[in-house]
Amino acid sequence: MTIRPLSVFAAAIAVGVSALALPALAEQELSKEESCGYEGQVMAAVQQARLDRVAQDKVAAHIAAGNPGWPAQFNAAIPGMADYIYQLRRKDLRGNDFGAIWKDQCIAVWDQRQEMIKQLNN
């Protein structure tokens, strides 16, 4: 099964706006490339945890134990990303790089997403 980027990004909008619309992230003033890169790393880590057969309720702790290289605030996205990734069969995850898909789609809709976050924070 090939995963279409828009199917991944439908989840990205929901997760990104709700989990990443944190004041702490706004204070960091990350560029879209940095922020989307970190989000892609989180998604890749969730995907790898699924492939490694980590139980969904343990995925956040499993990823945190690996001392990931992204700012801690991005860990807030793990549960939402896991909800999406754990709906998929592992065999469907093997042929797709969800981290790269997420990053590319995040960059593509960055301005739209920032406007939605701004509206939610008002």
PDB file of N, CA and C in Angstrom:
ATOM      1  N   MET A   1       0.843  -1.177   0.000  1.00  0.00           N
ATOM      2  CA  MET A   1       0.000   0.000   0.000  1.00  0.00           C
ATOM      3  C   MET A   1       0.886   1.237   0.000  1.00  0.00           C
ATOM      4  N   THR A   2       0.657   2.143  -0.917  1.00  0.00           N
ATOM      5  CA  THR A   2       1.367   3.403  -0.939  1.00  0.00           C
ATOM      6  C   THR A   2       0.512   4.435  -0.224  1.00  0.00           C
ATOM      7  N   ILE A   3       1.111   5.152   0.700  1.00  0.00           N
ATOM      8  CA  ILE A   3       0.404   6.160   1.466  1.00  0.00           C
ATOM      9  C   ILE A   3       0.498   7.482   0.731  1.00  0.00           C
ATOM     10  N   ARG A   4      -0.646   8.070   0.462  1.00  0.00           N
ATOM     11  CA  ARG A   4      -0.649   9.365  -0.190  1.00  0.00           C
ATOM     12  C   ARG A   4      -0.324  10.445   0.830  1.00  0.00           C
ATOM     13  N   PRO A   5       0.497  11.437   0.448  1.00  0.00           N
ATOM     14  CA  PRO A   5       0.862  12.489   1.376  1.00  0.00           C
ATOM     15  C   PRO A   5      -0.338  13.190   2.004  1.00  0.00           C
ATOM     16  N   LEU A   6      -1.400  13.397   1.252  1.00  0.00           N
ATOM     17  CA  LEU A   6      -2.542  14.096   1.824  1.00  0.00           C
ATOM     18  C   LEU A   6      -3.220  13.288   2.913  1.00  0.00           C
ATOM     19  N   SER A   7      -3.201  11.958   2.813  1.00  0.00           N
ATOM     20  CA  SER A   7      -3.801  11.172   3.886  1.00  0.00           C
ATOM     21  C   SER A   7      -2.989  11.311   5.156  1.00  0.00           C
ATOM     22  N   VAL A   8      -1.693  11.404   5.040  1.00  0.00           N
ATOM     23  CA  VAL A   8      -0.845  11.632   6.199  1.00  0.00           C
ATOM     24  C   VAL A   8      -1.079  13.034   6.724  1.00  0.00           C
ATOM     25  N   PHE A   9      -1.200  13.990   5.818  1.00  0.00           N
ATOM     26  CA  PHE A   9      -1.294  15.351   6.306  1.00  0.00           C
ATOM     27  C   PHE A   9      -2.671  15.703   6.846  1.00  0.00           C
ATOM     28  N   ALA A  10      -3.672  14.938   6.531  1.00  0.00           N
ATOM     29  CA  ALA A  10      -4.964  15.144   7.195  1.00  0.00           C
ATOM     30  C   ALA A  10      -4.779  14.944   8.690  1.00  0.00           C
ATOM     31  N   ALA A  11      -4.019  13.937   9.047  1.00  0.00           N
ATOM     32  CA  ALA A  11      -3.690  13.720  10.451  1.00  0.00           C
ATOM     33  C   ALA A  11      -2.760  14.814  10.958  1.00  0.00           C
ATOM     34  N   ALA A  12      -1.876  15.286  10.114  1.00  0.00           N
ATOM     35  CA  ALA A  12      -0.916  16.311  10.528  1.00  0.00           C
ATOM     36  C   ALA A  12      -1.605  17.590  10.963  1.00  0.00           C
ATOM     37  N   ILE A  13      -2.612  17.996  10.228  1.00  0.00           N
ATOM     38  CA  ILE A  13      -3.320  19.219  10.598  1.00  0.00           C
ATOM     39  C   ILE A  13      -3.952  19.052  11.972  1.00  0.00           C
ATOM     40  N   ALA A  14      -4.640  17.946  12.180  1.00  0.00           N
ATOM     41  CA  ALA A  14      -5.294  17.727  13.469  1.00  0.00           C
ATOM     42  C   ALA A  14      -4.286  17.653  14.608  1.00  0.00           C
ATOM     43  N   VAL A  15      -3.240  16.882  14.425  1.00  0.00           N
ATOM     44  CA  VAL A  15      -2.237  16.724  15.471  1.00  0.00           C
ATOM     45  C   VAL A  15      -1.428  18.000  15.633  1.00  0.00           C
ATOM     46  N   GLY A  16      -0.992  18.560  14.523  1.00  0.00           N
ATOM     47  CA  GLY A  16      -0.138  19.738  14.587  1.00  0.00           C
ATOM     48  C   GLY A  16      -0.801  20.928  15.236  1.00  0.00           C
ATOM     49  N   VAL A  17      -2.029  21.176  14.892  1.00  0.00           N
ATOM     50  CA  VAL A  17      -2.712  22.325  15.456  1.00  0.00           C
ATOM     51  C   VAL A  17      -3.022  22.110  16.924  1.00  0.00           C
ATOM     52  N   SER A  18      -3.470  20.921  17.280  1.00  0.00           N
ATOM     53  CA  SER A  18      -3.833  20.703  18.675  1.00  0.00           C
ATOM     54  C   SER A  18      -2.632  20.491  19.576  1.00  0.00           C
ATOM     55  N   ALA A  19      -1.686  19.686  19.166  1.00  0.00           N
ATOM     56  CA  ALA A  19      -0.567  19.348  20.045  1.00  0.00           C
ATOM     57  C   ALA A  19       0.556  20.368  20.001  1.00  0.00           C
ATOM     58  N   LEU A  20       0.762  20.997  18.857  1.00  0.00           N
ATOM     59  CA  LEU A  20       1.911  21.877  18.735  1.00  0.00           C
ATOM     60  C   LEU A  20       1.570  23.355  18.849  1.00  0.00           C
ATOM     61  N   ALA A  21       0.333  23.662  19.124  1.00  0.00           N
ATOM     62  CA  ALA A  21      -0.055  25.062  19.308  1.00  0.00           C
ATOM     63  C   ALA A  21       0.208  25.479  20.746  1.00  0.00           C
ATOM     64  N   LEU A  22       1.399  25.189  21.199  1.00  0.00           N
ATOM     65  CA  LEU A  22       1.776  25.472  22.580  1.00  0.00           C
ATOM     66  C   LEU A  22       2.503  26.803  22.654  1.00  0.00           C
ATOM     67  N   PRO A  23       2.236  27.596  23.677  1.00  0.00           N
ATOM     68  CA  PRO A  23       2.931  28.873  23.803  1.00  0.00           C
ATOM     69  C   PRO A  23       4.450  28.716  23.819  1.00  0.00           C
ATOM     70  N   ALA A  24       4.952  27.661  24.419  1.00  0.00           N
ATOM     71  CA  ALA A  24       6.402  27.466  24.508  1.00  0.00           C
ATOM     72  C   ALA A  24       7.030  27.371  23.121  1.00  0.00           C
ATOM     73  N   LEU A  25       6.333  26.776  22.189  1.00  0.00           N
ATOM     74  CA  LEU A  25       6.879  26.668  20.833  1.00  0.00           C
ATOM     75  C   LEU A  25       6.906  28.020  20.149  1.00  0.00           C
ATOM     76  N   ALA A  26       5.875  28.802  20.373  1.00  0.00           N
ATOM     77  CA  ALA A  26       5.830  30.119  19.753  1.00  0.00           C
ATOM     78  C   ALA A  26       6.985  30.979  20.240  1.00  0.00           C
ATOM     79  N   GLU A  27       7.372  30.825  21.505  1.00  0.00           N
ATOM     80  CA  GLU A  27       8.458  31.608  22.067  1.00  0.00           C
ATOM     81  C   GLU A  27       9.805  31.252  21.430  1.00  0.00           C
ATOM     82  N   GLN A  28       9.954  30.049  20.948  1.00  0.00           N
ATOM     83  CA  GLN A  28      11.231  29.635  20.380  1.00  0.00           C
ATOM     84  C   GLN A  28      11.505  30.249  19.019  1.00  0.00           C
ATOM     85  N   GLU A  29      10.473  30.650  18.320  1.00  0.00           N
ATOM     86  CA  GLU A  29      10.609  31.247  17.000  1.00  0.00           C
ATOM     87  C   GLU A  29      11.456  30.397  16.069  1.00  0.00           C
ATOM     88  N   LEU A  30      11.107  29.161  15.939  1.00  0.00           N
ATOM     89  CA  LEU A  30      11.796  28.269  15.019  1.00  0.00           C
ATOM     90  C   LEU A  30      11.371  28.585  13.595  1.00  0.00           C
ATOM     91  N   SER A  31      12.277  28.391  12.657  1.00  0.00           N
ATOM     92  CA  SER A  31      11.903  28.545  11.252  1.00  0.00           C
ATOM     93  C   SER A  31      11.004  27.376  10.874  1.00  0.00           C
ATOM     94  N   LYS A  32      10.312  27.520   9.760  1.00  0.00           N
ATOM     95  CA  LYS A  32       9.442  26.421   9.343  1.00  0.00           C
ATOM     96  C   LYS A  32      10.255  25.179   9.030  1.00  0.00           C
ATOM     97  N   GLU A  33      11.457  25.350   8.491  1.00  0.00           N
ATOM     98  CA  GLU A  33      12.297  24.191   8.191  1.00  0.00           C
ATOM     99  C   GLU A  33      12.707  23.475   9.480  1.00  0.00           C
ATOM    100  N   GLU A  34      13.061  24.261  10.508  1.00  0.00           N
ATOM    101  CA  GLU A  34      13.441  23.654  11.785  1.00  0.00           C
ATOM    102  C   GLU A  34      12.263  22.949  12.432  1.00  0.00           C
ATOM    103  N   SER A  35      11.152  23.655  12.536  1.00  0.00           N
ATOM    104  CA  SER A  35       9.983  23.094  13.193  1.00  0.00           C
ATOM    105  C   SER A  35       9.477  21.852  12.454  1.00  0.00           C
ATOM    106  N   CYS A  36       9.346  21.964  11.152  1.00  0.00           N
ATOM    107  CA  CYS A  36       8.861  20.823  10.369  1.00  0.00           C
ATOM    108  C   CYS A  36       9.870  19.677  10.394  1.00  0.00           C
ATOM    109  N   GLY A  37      11.144  20.014  10.450  1.00  0.00           N
ATOM    110  CA  GLY A  37      12.168  18.972  10.581  1.00  0.00           C
ATOM    111  C   GLY A  37      12.016  18.207  11.880  1.00  0.00           C
ATOM    112  N   TYR A  38      11.794  18.928  12.982  1.00  0.00           N
ATOM    113  CA  TYR A  38      11.587  18.267  14.262  1.00  0.00           C
ATOM    114  C   TYR A  38      10.322  17.409  14.243  1.00  0.00           C
ATOM    115  N   GLU A  39       9.258  17.956  13.662  1.00  0.00           N
ATOM    116  CA  GLU A  39       8.015  17.182  13.574  1.00  0.00           C
ATOM    117  C   GLU A  39       8.235  15.918  12.751  1.00  0.00           C
ATOM    118  N   GLY A  40       8.986  16.031  11.667  1.00  0.00           N
ATOM    119  CA  GLY A  40       9.292  14.857  10.853  1.00  0.00           C
ATOM    120  C   GLY A  40      10.089  13.825  11.633  1.00  0.00           C
ATOM    121  N   GLN A  41      11.013  14.299  12.473  1.00  0.00           N
ATOM    122  CA  GLN A  41      11.785  13.381  13.307  1.00  0.00           C
ATOM    123  C   GLN A  41      10.890  12.653  14.308  1.00  0.00           C
ATOM    124  N   VAL A  42       9.938  13.390  14.872  1.00  0.00           N
ATOM    125  CA  VAL A  42       9.003  12.764  15.817  1.00  0.00           C
ATOM    126  C   VAL A  42       8.188  11.694  15.101  1.00  0.00           C
ATOM    127  N   MET A  43       7.674  12.037  13.925  1.00  0.00           N
ATOM    128  CA  MET A  43       6.872  11.071  13.168  1.00  0.00           C
ATOM    129  C   MET A  43       7.707   9.850  12.811  1.00  0.00           C
ATOM    130  N   ALA A  44       8.935  10.051  12.395  1.00  0.00           N
ATOM    131  CA  ALA A  44       9.804   8.924  12.057  1.00  0.00           C
ATOM    132  C   ALA A  44      10.045   8.041  13.277  1.00  0.00           C
ATOM    133  N   ALA A  45      10.199   8.654  14.436  1.00  0.00           N
ATOM    134  CA  ALA A  45      10.420   7.888  15.664  1.00  0.00           C
ATOM    135  C   ALA A  45       9.176   7.077  16.031  1.00  0.00           C
ATOM    136  N   VAL A  46       8.010   7.661  15.847  1.00  0.00           N
ATOM    137  CA  VAL A  46       6.765   6.933  16.111  1.00  0.00           C
ATOM    138  C   VAL A  46       6.632   5.771  15.128  1.00  0.00           C
ATOM    139  N   GLN A  47       6.929   6.028  13.866  1.00  0.00           N
ATOM    140  CA  GLN A  47       6.880   4.967  12.862  1.00  0.00           C
ATOM    141  C   GLN A  47       7.827   3.833  13.228  1.00  0.00           C
ATOM    142  N   GLN A  48       9.042   4.173  13.630  1.00  0.00           N
ATOM    143  CA  GLN A  48      10.021   3.143  13.984  1.00  0.00           C
ATOM    144  C   GLN A  48       9.568   2.364  15.219  1.00  0.00           C
ATOM    145  N   ALA A  49       8.985   3.049  16.175  1.00  0.00           N
ATOM    146  CA  ALA A  49       8.479   2.357  17.366  1.00  0.00           C
ATOM    147  C   ALA A  49       7.411   1.340  16.979  1.00  0.00           C
ATOM    148  N   ARG A  50       6.552   1.721  16.058  1.00  0.00           N
ATOM    149  CA  ARG A  50       5.508   0.793  15.578  1.00  0.00           C
ATOM    150  C   ARG A  50       6.149  -0.402  14.884  1.00  0.00           C
ATOM    151  N   LEU A  51       7.143  -0.139  14.054  1.00  0.00           N
ATOM    152  CA  LEU A  51       7.829  -1.225  13.364  1.00  0.00           C
ATOM    153  C   LEU A  51       8.567  -2.136  14.346  1.00  0.00           C
ATOM    154  N   ASP A  52       9.025  -1.560  15.450  1.00  0.00           N
ATOM    155  CA  ASP A  52       9.719  -2.325  16.488  1.00  0.00           C
ATOM    156  C   ASP A  52       8.759  -3.007  17.459  1.00  0.00           C
ATOM    157  N   ARG A  53       7.478  -2.913  17.181  1.00  0.00           N
ATOM    158  CA  ARG A  53       6.428  -3.556  17.977  1.00  0.00           C
ATOM    159  C   ARG A  53       6.307  -3.021  19.405  1.00  0.00           C
ATOM    160  N   VAL A  54       6.619  -1.758  19.584  1.00  0.00           N
ATOM    161  CA  VAL A  54       6.406  -1.113  20.876  1.00  0.00           C
ATOM    162  C   VAL A  54       4.906  -0.906  21.036  1.00  0.00           C
ATOM    163  N   ALA A  55       4.374  -1.248  22.191  1.00  0.00           N
ATOM    164  CA  ALA A  55       2.941  -1.063  22.446  1.00  0.00           C
ATOM    165  C   ALA A  55       2.601   0.424  22.360  1.00  0.00           C
ATOM    166  N   GLN A  56       1.436   0.735  21.806  1.00  0.00           N
ATOM    167  CA  GLN A  56       1.061   2.126  21.599  1.00  0.00           C
ATOM    168  C   GLN A  56       1.056   2.919  22.904  1.00  0.00           C
ATOM    169  N   ASP A  57       0.612   2.321  23.982  1.00  0.00           N
ATOM    170  CA  ASP A  57       0.568   3.057  25.249  1.00  0.00           C
ATOM    171  C   ASP A  57       1.958   3.264  25.863  1.00  0.00           C
ATOM    172  N   LYS A  58       2.970   2.668  25.278  1.00  0.00           N
ATOM    173  CA  LYS A  58       4.335   2.821  25.773  1.00  0.00           C
ATOM    174  C   LYS A  58       5.235   3.593  24.807  1.00  0.00           C
ATOM    175  N   VAL A  59       4.687   4.022  23.687  1.00  0.00           N
ATOM    176  CA  VAL A  59       5.511   4.640  22.646  1.00  0.00           C
ATOM    177  C   VAL A  59       6.148   5.948  23.115  1.00  0.00           C
ATOM    178  N   ALA A  60       5.433   6.788  23.834  1.00  0.00           N
ATOM    179  CA  ALA A  60       5.999   8.067  24.278  1.00  0.00           C
ATOM    180  C   ALA A  60       7.186   7.838  25.207  1.00  0.00           C
ATOM    181  N   ALA A  61       7.039   6.929  26.144  1.00  0.00           N
ATOM    182  CA  ALA A  61       8.132   6.626  27.073  1.00  0.00           C
ATOM    183  C   ALA A  61       9.306   5.987  26.338  1.00  0.00           C
ATOM    184  N   HIS A  62       8.998   5.125  25.387  1.00  0.00           N
ATOM    185  CA  HIS A  62      10.049   4.467  24.602  1.00  0.00           C
ATOM    186  C   HIS A  62      10.873   5.492  23.825  1.00  0.00           C
ATOM    187  N   ILE A  63      10.198   6.427  23.193  1.00  0.00           N
ATOM    188  CA  ILE A  63      10.899   7.446  22.411  1.00  0.00           C
ATOM    189  C   ILE A  63      11.695   8.366  23.342  1.00  0.00           C
ATOM    190  N   ALA A  64      11.095   8.782  24.438  1.00  0.00           N
ATOM    191  CA  ALA A  64      11.780   9.663  25.383  1.00  0.00           C
ATOM    192  C   ALA A  64      13.031   8.998  25.959  1.00  0.00           C
ATOM    193  N   ALA A  65      12.983   7.693  26.168  1.00  0.00           N
ATOM    194  CA  ALA A  65      14.133   6.962  26.715  1.00  0.00           C
ATOM    195  C   ALA A  65      15.327   6.994  25.762  1.00  0.00           C
ATOM    196  N   GLY A  66      15.072   7.222  24.503  1.00  0.00           N
ATOM    197  CA  GLY A  66      16.143   7.290  23.513  1.00  0.00           C
ATOM    198  C   GLY A  66      16.792   8.660  23.411  1.00  0.00           C
ATOM    199  N   ASN A  67      16.396   9.586  24.282  1.00  0.00           N
ATOM    200  CA  ASN A  67      16.943  10.951  24.277  1.00  0.00           C
ATOM    201  C   ASN A  67      16.931  11.578  22.879  1.00  0.00           C
ATOM    202  N   PRO A  68      15.737  11.801  22.337  1.00  0.00           N
ATOM    203  CA  PRO A  68      15.650  12.348  20.983  1.00  0.00           C
ATOM    204  C   PRO A  68      16.279  13.741  20.898  1.00  0.00           C
ATOM    205  N   GLY A  69      16.649  14.127  19.700  1.00  0.00           N
ATOM    206  CA  GLY A  69      17.354  15.380  19.488  1.00  0.00           C
ATOM    207  C   GLY A  69      16.467  16.591  19.259  1.00  0.00           C
ATOM    208  N   TRP A  70      15.173  16.473  19.429  1.00  0.00           N
ATOM    209  CA  TRP A  70      14.290  17.614  19.225  1.00  0.00           C
ATOM    210  C   TRP A  70      13.947  18.246  20.578  1.00  0.00           C
ATOM    211  N   PRO A  71      13.489  19.525  20.557  1.00  0.00           N
ATOM    212  CA  PRO A  71      13.062  20.168  21.800  1.00  0.00           C
ATOM    213  C   PRO A  71      11.926  19.373  22.459  1.00  0.00           C
ATOM    214  N   ALA A  72      11.935  19.333  23.765  1.00  0.00           N
ATOM    215  CA  ALA A  72      10.992  18.505  24.524  1.00  0.00           C
ATOM    216  C   ALA A  72       9.529  18.818  24.214  1.00  0.00           C
ATOM    217  N   GLN A  73       9.234  20.057  23.842  1.00  0.00           N
ATOM    218  CA  GLN A  73       7.842  20.419  23.557  1.00  0.00           C
ATOM    219  C   GLN A  73       7.247  19.601  22.408  1.00  0.00           C
ATOM    220  N   PHE A  74       8.088  19.123  21.525  1.00  0.00           N
ATOM    221  CA  PHE A  74       7.594  18.347  20.390  1.00  0.00           C
ATOM    222  C   PHE A  74       7.096  16.969  20.816  1.00  0.00           C
ATOM    223  N   ASN A  75       7.457  16.536  22.017  1.00  0.00           N
ATOM    224  CA  ASN A  75       6.953  15.258  22.518  1.00  0.00           C
ATOM    225  C   ASN A  75       5.441  15.277  22.680  1.00  0.00           C
ATOM    226  N   ALA A  76       4.857  16.461  22.795  1.00  0.00           N
ATOM    227  CA  ALA A  76       3.405  16.571  22.925  1.00  0.00           C
ATOM    228  C   ALA A  76       2.678  16.005  21.705  1.00  0.00           C
ATOM    229  N   ALA A  77       3.348  15.928  20.581  1.00  0.00           N
ATOM    230  CA  ALA A  77       2.730  15.417  19.354  1.00  0.00           C
ATOM    231  C   ALA A  77       2.736  13.895  19.276  1.00  0.00           C
ATOM    232  N   ILE A  78       3.520  13.242  20.124  1.00  0.00           N
ATOM    233  CA  ILE A  78       3.665  11.788  20.017  1.00  0.00           C
ATOM    234  C   ILE A  78       2.343  11.047  20.134  1.00  0.00           C
ATOM    235  N   PRO A  79       1.498  11.328  21.122  1.00  0.00           N
ATOM    236  CA  PRO A  79       0.243  10.552  21.223  1.00  0.00           C
ATOM    237  C   PRO A  79      -0.646  10.671  19.979  1.00  0.00           C
ATOM    238  N   GLY A  80      -0.763  11.865  19.438  1.00  0.00           N
ATOM    239  CA  GLY A  80      -1.593  12.038  18.243  1.00  0.00           C
ATOM    240  C   GLY A  80      -1.009  11.357  17.021  1.00  0.00           C
ATOM    241  N   MET A  81       0.301  11.455  16.881  1.00  0.00           N
ATOM    242  CA  MET A  81       0.959  10.777  15.762  1.00  0.00           C
ATOM    243  C   MET A  81       0.847   9.271  15.920  1.00  0.00           C
ATOM    244  N   ALA A  82       0.982   8.803  17.154  1.00  0.00           N
ATOM    245  CA  ALA A  82       0.862   7.361  17.408  1.00  0.00           C
ATOM    246  C   ALA A  82      -0.546   6.879  17.080  1.00  0.00           C
ATOM    247  N   ASP A  83      -1.560   7.673  17.410  1.00  0.00           N
ATOM    248  CA  ASP A  83      -2.936   7.281  17.065  1.00  0.00           C
ATOM    249  C   ASP A  83      -3.059   7.014  15.573  1.00  0.00           C
ATOM    250  N   TYR A  84      -2.433   7.863  14.774  1.00  0.00           N
ATOM    251  CA  TYR A  84      -2.496   7.694  13.324  1.00  0.00           C
ATOM    252  C   TYR A  84      -1.668   6.493  12.866  1.00  0.00           C
ATOM    253  N   ILE A  85      -0.407   6.447  13.283  1.00  0.00           N
ATOM    254  CA  ILE A  85       0.511   5.394  12.829  1.00  0.00           C
ATOM    255  C   ILE A  85       0.046   4.009  13.271  1.00  0.00           C
ATOM    256  N   TYR A  86      -0.492   3.900  14.465  1.00  0.00           N
ATOM    257  CA  TYR A  86      -0.895   2.593  14.988  1.00  0.00           C
ATOM    258  C   TYR A  86      -2.201   2.088  14.367  1.00  0.00           C
ATOM    259  N   GLN A  87      -2.860   2.908  13.578  1.00  0.00           N
ATOM    260  CA  GLN A  87      -4.017   2.440  12.808  1.00  0.00           C
ATOM    261  C   GLN A  87      -3.583   1.675  11.557  1.00  0.00           C
ATOM    262  N   LEU A  88      -2.341   1.884  11.157  1.00  0.00           N
ATOM    263  CA  LEU A  88      -1.834   1.278   9.932  1.00  0.00           C
ATOM    264  C   LEU A  88      -1.165  -0.062  10.221  1.00  0.00           C
ATOM    265  N   ARG A  89      -1.187  -0.926   9.232  1.00  0.00           N
ATOM    266  CA  ARG A  89      -0.488  -2.206   9.365  1.00  0.00           C
ATOM    267  C   ARG A  89       1.009  -1.965   9.232  1.00  0.00           C
ATOM    268  N   ARG A  90       1.782  -2.732   9.956  1.00  0.00           N
ATOM    269  CA  ARG A  90       3.236  -2.566   9.902  1.00  0.00           C
ATOM    270  C   ARG A  90       3.758  -2.740   8.478  1.00  0.00           C
ATOM    271  N   LYS A  91       3.190  -3.655   7.733  1.00  0.00           N
ATOM    272  CA  LYS A  91       3.682  -3.858   6.365  1.00  0.00           C
ATOM    273  C   LYS A  91       3.473  -2.612   5.510  1.00  0.00           C
ATOM    274  N   ASP A  92       2.452  -1.819   5.824  1.00  0.00           N
ATOM    275  CA  ASP A  92       2.227  -0.572   5.091  1.00  0.00           C
ATOM    276  C   ASP A  92       3.203   0.521   5.511  1.00  0.00           C
ATOM    277  N   LEU A  93       3.772   0.385   6.686  1.00  0.00           N
ATOM    278  CA  LEU A  93       4.746   1.370   7.163  1.00  0.00           C
ATOM    279  C   LEU A  93       6.122   1.150   6.556  1.00  0.00           C
ATOM    280  N   ARG A  94       6.429  -0.087   6.219  1.00  0.00           N
ATOM    281  CA  ARG A  94       7.783  -0.418   5.754  1.00  0.00           C
ATOM    282  C   ARG A  94       8.181   0.292   4.470  1.00  0.00           C
ATOM    283  N   GLY A  95       7.268   0.516   3.577  1.00  0.00           N
ATOM    284  CA  GLY A  95       7.612   1.106   2.281  1.00  0.00           C
ATOM    285  C   GLY A  95       7.436   2.609   2.205  1.00  0.00           C
ATOM    286  N   ASN A  96       7.172   3.252   3.315  1.00  0.00           N
ATOM    287  CA  ASN A  96       6.909   4.686   3.311  1.00  0.00           C
ATOM    288  C   ASN A  96       7.732   5.374   4.390  1.00  0.00           C
ATOM    289  N   ASP A  97       8.245   6.541   4.084  1.00  0.00           N
ATOM    290  CA  ASP A  97       8.999   7.332   5.044  1.00  0.00           C
ATOM    291  C   ASP A  97       8.073   8.424   5.571  1.00  0.00           C
ATOM    292  N   PHE A  98       7.358   8.115   6.641  1.00  0.00           N
ATOM    293  CA  PHE A  98       6.381   9.057   7.175  1.00  0.00           C
ATOM    294  C   PHE A  98       7.030  10.328   7.711  1.00  0.00           C
ATOM    295  N   GLY A  99       8.252  10.226   8.208  1.00  0.00           N
ATOM    296  CA  GLY A  99       8.951  11.420   8.672  1.00  0.00           C
ATOM    297  C   GLY A  99       9.183  12.409   7.542  1.00  0.00           C
ATOM    298  N   ALA A 100       9.652  11.915   6.414  1.00  0.00           N
ATOM    299  CA  ALA A 100       9.903  12.781   5.249  1.00  0.00           C
ATOM    300  C   ALA A 100       8.599  13.325   4.673  1.00  0.00           C
ATOM    301  N   ILE A 101       7.580  12.469   4.610  1.00  0.00           N
ATOM    302  CA  ILE A 101       6.278  12.918   4.106  1.00  0.00           C
ATOM    303  C   ILE A 101       5.751  14.035   4.997  1.00  0.00           C
ATOM    304  N   TRP A 102       5.821  13.809   6.313  1.00  0.00           N
ATOM    305  CA  TRP A 102       5.320  14.802   7.273  1.00  0.00           C
ATOM    306  C   TRP A 102       6.054  16.131   7.100  1.00  0.00           C
ATOM    307  N   LYS A 103       7.373  16.062   7.050  1.00  0.00           N
ATOM    308  CA  LYS A 103       8.172  17.279   6.921  1.00  0.00           C
ATOM    309  C   LYS A 103       7.808  18.047   5.652  1.00  0.00           C
ATOM    310  N   ASP A 104       7.748  17.348   4.530  1.00  0.00           N
ATOM    311  CA  ASP A 104       7.426  17.999   3.258  1.00  0.00           C
ATOM    312  C   ASP A 104       6.047  18.642   3.283  1.00  0.00           C
ATOM    313  N   GLN A 105       5.066  17.923   3.806  1.00  0.00           N
ATOM    314  CA  GLN A 105       3.714  18.454   3.859  1.00  0.00           C
ATOM    315  C   GLN A 105       3.614  19.615   4.856  1.00  0.00           C
ATOM    316  N   CYS A 106       4.315  19.514   5.949  1.00  0.00           N
ATOM    317  CA  CYS A 106       4.339  20.582   6.947  1.00  0.00           C
ATOM    318  C   CYS A 106       4.857  21.872   6.324  1.00  0.00           C
ATOM    319  N   ILE A 107       5.959  21.782   5.604  1.00  0.00           N
ATOM    320  CA  ILE A 107       6.526  22.960   4.948  1.00  0.00           C
ATOM    321  C   ILE A 107       5.555  23.518   3.918  1.00  0.00           C
ATOM    322  N   ALA A 108       4.895  22.627   3.178  1.00  0.00           N
ATOM    323  CA  ALA A 108       3.980  23.056   2.115  1.00  0.00           C
ATOM    324  C   ALA A 108       2.781  23.836   2.646  1.00  0.00           C
ATOM    325  N   VAL A 109       2.325  23.522   3.844  1.00  0.00           N
ATOM    326  CA  VAL A 109       1.130  24.192   4.374  1.00  0.00           C
ATOM    327  C   VAL A 109       1.448  25.034   5.612  1.00  0.00           C
ATOM    328  N   TRP A 110       2.704  25.374   5.784  1.00  0.00           N
ATOM    329  CA  TRP A 110       3.151  26.110   6.971  1.00  0.00           C
ATOM    330  C   TRP A 110       2.334  27.375   7.228  1.00  0.00           C
ATOM    331  N   ASP A 111       2.175  28.225   6.217  1.00  0.00           N
ATOM    332  CA  ASP A 111       1.471  29.491   6.418  1.00  0.00           C
ATOM    333  C   ASP A 111       0.028  29.258   6.837  1.00  0.00           C
ATOM    334  N   GLN A 112      -0.635  28.313   6.196  1.00  0.00           N
ATOM    335  CA  GLN A 112      -2.024  27.987   6.542  1.00  0.00           C
ATOM    336  C   GLN A 112      -2.102  27.485   7.980  1.00  0.00           C
ATOM    337  N   ARG A 113      -1.202  26.636   8.358  1.00  0.00           N
ATOM    338  CA  ARG A 113      -1.213  26.084   9.703  1.00  0.00           C
ATOM    339  C   ARG A 113      -0.923  27.151  10.755  1.00  0.00           C
ATOM    340  N   GLN A 114       0.015  28.042  10.466  1.00  0.00           N
ATOM    341  CA  GLN A 114       0.318  29.114  11.414  1.00  0.00           C
ATOM    342  C   GLN A 114      -0.891  30.023  11.616  1.00  0.00           C
ATOM    343  N   GLU A 115      -1.622  30.272  10.556  1.00  0.00           N
ATOM    344  CA  GLU A 115      -2.843  31.082  10.683  1.00  0.00           C
ATOM    345  C   GLU A 115      -3.874  30.373  11.555  1.00  0.00           C
ATOM    346  N   MET A 116      -4.027  29.072  11.392  1.00  0.00           N
ATOM    347  CA  MET A 116      -4.974  28.319  12.231  1.00  0.00           C
ATOM    348  C   MET A 116      -4.540  28.333  13.695  1.00  0.00           C
ATOM    349  N   ILE A 117      -3.246  28.187  13.947  1.00  0.00           N
ATOM    350  CA  ILE A 117      -2.729  28.232  15.316  1.00  0.00           C
ATOM    351  C   ILE A 117      -2.968  29.605  15.925  1.00  0.00           C
ATOM    352  N   LYS A 118      -2.725  30.649  15.135  1.00  0.00           N
ATOM    353  CA  LYS A 118      -2.944  32.024  15.600  1.00  0.00           C
ATOM    354  C   LYS A 118      -4.403  32.215  15.995  1.00  0.00           C
ATOM    355  N   GLN A 119      -5.321  31.722  15.169  1.00  0.00           N
ATOM    356  CA  GLN A 119      -6.745  31.853  15.474  1.00  0.00           C
ATOM    357  C   GLN A 119      -7.128  31.080  16.719  1.00  0.00           C
ATOM    358  N   LEU A 120      -6.548  29.894  16.912  1.00  0.00           N
ATOM    359  CA  LEU A 120      -6.844  29.110  18.094  1.00  0.00           C
ATOM    360  C   LEU A 120      -6.321  29.761  19.368  1.00  0.00           C
ATOM    361  N   ASN A 121      -5.195  30.441  19.263  1.00  0.00           N
ATOM    362  CA  ASN A 121      -4.595  31.081  20.435  1.00  0.00           C
ATOM    363  C   ASN A 121      -5.239  32.413  20.788  1.00  0.00           C
ATOM    364  N   ASN A 122      -6.070  32.937  19.918  1.00  0.00           N
ATOM    365  CA  ASN A 122      -6.766  34.213  20.203  1.00  0.00           C
ATOM    366  C   ASN A 122      -8.047  34.009  20.935  1.00  0.00           C
TER     367      ASN A 122
END
